[in-house]
Amino acid sequence: MVCGGIMFPIDSWAADVDSPAIASQLSAFSLLPYFGFLYFITKSKSAPALTLFGFYFLLAFVAAAIPAGIYAKVHYVKSLANVDWLHGGAESLLMFTNLFIVLGLRKALREAQHQSVTSQVKDEEQSPV
């Protein structure tokens, strides 16, 4: 299939497309930009520590979901989404990831708000009446 002068190895509209194989390849490829994101956000030192930990913790979810998916395929002959106890266990790691990110951002926002209020009070105390 040719699209805009670029040759793609598959025809995404064909009936015989192996969607799971494509999805797993795209999933593996998506790790490269994510590693770049982790590198730059760590280097910038701009993210709150707990939020940064949450972004790294996402890799624990990925590391657990891959073998869980393989186990579901081999042992139950089903996809991971159809084996509730495995899927729930893997997704719980994603829930913790989100929790770490949100709690880190919440803490940073509260600290910034507290610093803003504190500086306003100091400014008011120093200004002549």
Protein backbone atom coordinates (compact mmCIF):
# COMPACT_ATOMS: atom_id res chain seq x y z
CA MET A 1 0.00 0.00 0.00
CA VAL A 2 1.32 3.41 -0.94
CA CYS A 3 0.13 6.44 0.99
CA GLY A 4 1.53 9.89 0.29
CA GLY A 5 4.55 8.36 -1.47
CA ILE A 6 5.46 6.23 1.57
CA MET A 7 5.32 2.45 1.32
CA PHE A 8 3.72 0.69 4.30
CA PRO A 9 4.38 -3.04 4.82
CA ILE A 10 0.72 -3.79 5.59
CA ASP A 11 -2.68 -2.84 4.30
CA SER A 12 -4.52 -1.73 7.42
CA TRP A 13 -7.89 -2.10 5.67
CA ALA A 14 -7.33 -5.71 4.62
CA ALA A 15 -9.40 -8.43 6.28
CA ASP A 16 -6.38 -10.59 7.11
CA VAL A 17 -4.43 -8.02 9.15
CA ASP A 18 -2.81 -9.52 12.26
CA SER A 19 -3.91 -6.78 14.66
CA PRO A 20 -2.37 -8.29 17.82
CA ALA A 21 1.04 -8.53 16.13
CA ILE A 22 0.83 -4.92 14.98
CA ALA A 23 -0.29 -3.79 18.43
CA SER A 24 2.60 -5.54 20.17
CA GLN A 25 5.09 -3.99 17.74
CA LEU A 26 3.65 -0.52 18.26
CA SER A 27 3.67 -1.06 22.02
CA ALA A 28 7.34 -2.01 21.96
CA PHE A 29 8.15 0.95 19.71
CA SER A 30 6.34 3.33 22.07
CA LEU A 31 8.92 2.64 24.77
CA LEU A 32 11.59 4.55 22.85
CA PRO A 33 9.90 7.96 23.09
CA TYR A 34 8.90 7.18 26.67
CA PHE A 35 12.54 6.57 27.62
CA GLY A 36 13.34 9.92 25.99
CA PHE A 37 10.61 11.55 28.06
CA LEU A 38 12.01 10.00 31.25
CA TYR A 39 15.52 11.14 30.38
CA PHE A 40 14.53 14.75 29.76
CA ILE A 41 12.13 15.09 32.68
CA THR A 42 14.79 13.65 35.01
CA LYS A 43 17.47 15.91 33.55
CA SER A 44 15.27 19.01 33.88
CA LYS A 45 14.76 18.44 37.62
CA SER A 46 11.39 20.17 37.21
CA ALA A 47 9.10 17.32 38.22
CA PRO A 48 8.20 16.64 41.85
CA ALA A 49 10.02 13.60 43.21
CA LEU A 50 6.88 11.49 43.74
CA THR A 51 5.59 12.35 40.28
CA LEU A 52 8.92 11.40 38.74
CA PHE A 53 8.80 8.12 40.67
CA GLY A 54 5.31 7.54 39.25
CA PHE A 55 6.53 8.02 35.70
CA TYR A 56 9.30 5.49 36.32
CA PHE A 57 6.85 3.15 38.06
CA LEU A 58 4.95 2.88 34.78
CA LEU A 59 7.83 0.67 33.65
CA ALA A 60 6.89 -1.78 36.46
CA PHE A 61 3.42 -1.99 34.93
CA VAL A 62 4.92 -2.71 31.51
CA ALA A 63 7.34 -5.24 32.98
CA ALA A 64 4.49 -7.06 34.73
CA ALA A 65 1.95 -6.85 31.91
CA ILE A 66 4.16 -8.50 29.30
CA PRO A 67 4.80 -11.78 31.17
CA ALA A 68 1.21 -11.76 32.45
CA GLY A 69 -0.03 -11.54 28.87
CA ILE A 70 2.26 -14.36 27.79
CA TYR A 71 1.12 -16.50 30.73
CA ALA A 72 -2.54 -15.84 29.90
CA LYS A 73 -1.95 -16.87 26.27
CA VAL A 74 0.01 -20.03 27.12
CA HIS A 75 -1.85 -21.25 30.20
CA TYR A 76 -5.44 -20.12 29.50
CA VAL A 77 -5.29 -19.65 25.69
CA LYS A 78 -6.88 -16.22 26.19
CA SER A 79 -5.71 -12.66 26.00
CA LEU A 80 -4.68 -10.90 29.20
CA ALA A 81 -7.88 -8.83 29.15
CA ASN A 82 -9.93 -12.03 29.50
CA VAL A 83 -8.12 -13.44 32.55
CA ASP A 84 -9.47 -11.29 35.33
CA TRP A 85 -7.03 -12.06 38.12
CA LEU A 86 -3.99 -11.46 35.90
CA HIS A 87 -5.46 -8.41 34.25
CA GLY A 88 -6.51 -6.92 37.59
CA GLY A 89 -3.06 -7.49 39.05
CA ALA A 90 -1.34 -5.82 36.14
CA GLU A 91 -3.80 -2.93 36.06
CA SER A 92 -3.33 -2.33 39.78
CA LEU A 93 0.25 -1.32 38.98
CA LEU A 94 -1.12 1.21 36.51
CA MET A 95 -3.42 2.53 39.24
CA PHE A 96 -0.44 3.01 41.56
CA THR A 97 1.41 4.79 38.75
CA ASN A 98 -1.45 7.26 38.38
CA LEU A 99 -1.69 7.68 42.14
CA PHE A 100 2.02 8.52 42.50
CA ILE A 101 1.87 11.04 39.65
CA VAL A 102 -1.24 12.79 40.95
CA LEU A 103 -0.13 12.87 44.60
CA GLY A 104 3.26 14.28 43.58
CA LEU A 105 1.64 17.02 41.51
CA ARG A 106 -0.89 17.77 44.25
CA LYS A 107 1.87 18.15 46.82
CA ALA A 108 3.85 20.45 44.52
CA LEU A 109 0.80 22.62 43.85
CA ARG A 110 0.03 22.92 47.55
CA GLU A 111 3.63 23.86 48.32
CA ALA A 112 3.61 26.48 45.57
CA GLN A 113 0.34 27.89 46.86
CA HIS A 114 1.69 27.97 50.42
CA GLN A 115 4.84 29.80 49.25
CA SER A 116 2.69 32.31 47.37
CA VAL A 117 0.54 33.01 50.43
CA THR A 118 3.62 33.27 52.66
CA SER A 119 5.31 35.76 50.32
CA GLN A 120 2.13 37.86 50.16
CA VAL A 121 1.96 38.01 53.96
CA LYS A 122 5.63 39.07 54.16
CA ASP A 123 5.05 41.74 51.53
CA GLU A 124 2.08 43.11 53.47
CA GLU A 125 4.07 43.17 56.72
CA GLN A 126 6.96 45.08 55.11
CA SER A 127 4.87 47.65 53.26
CA PRO A 128 4.36 50.99 55.05
CA VAL A 129 0.80 51.72 56.10
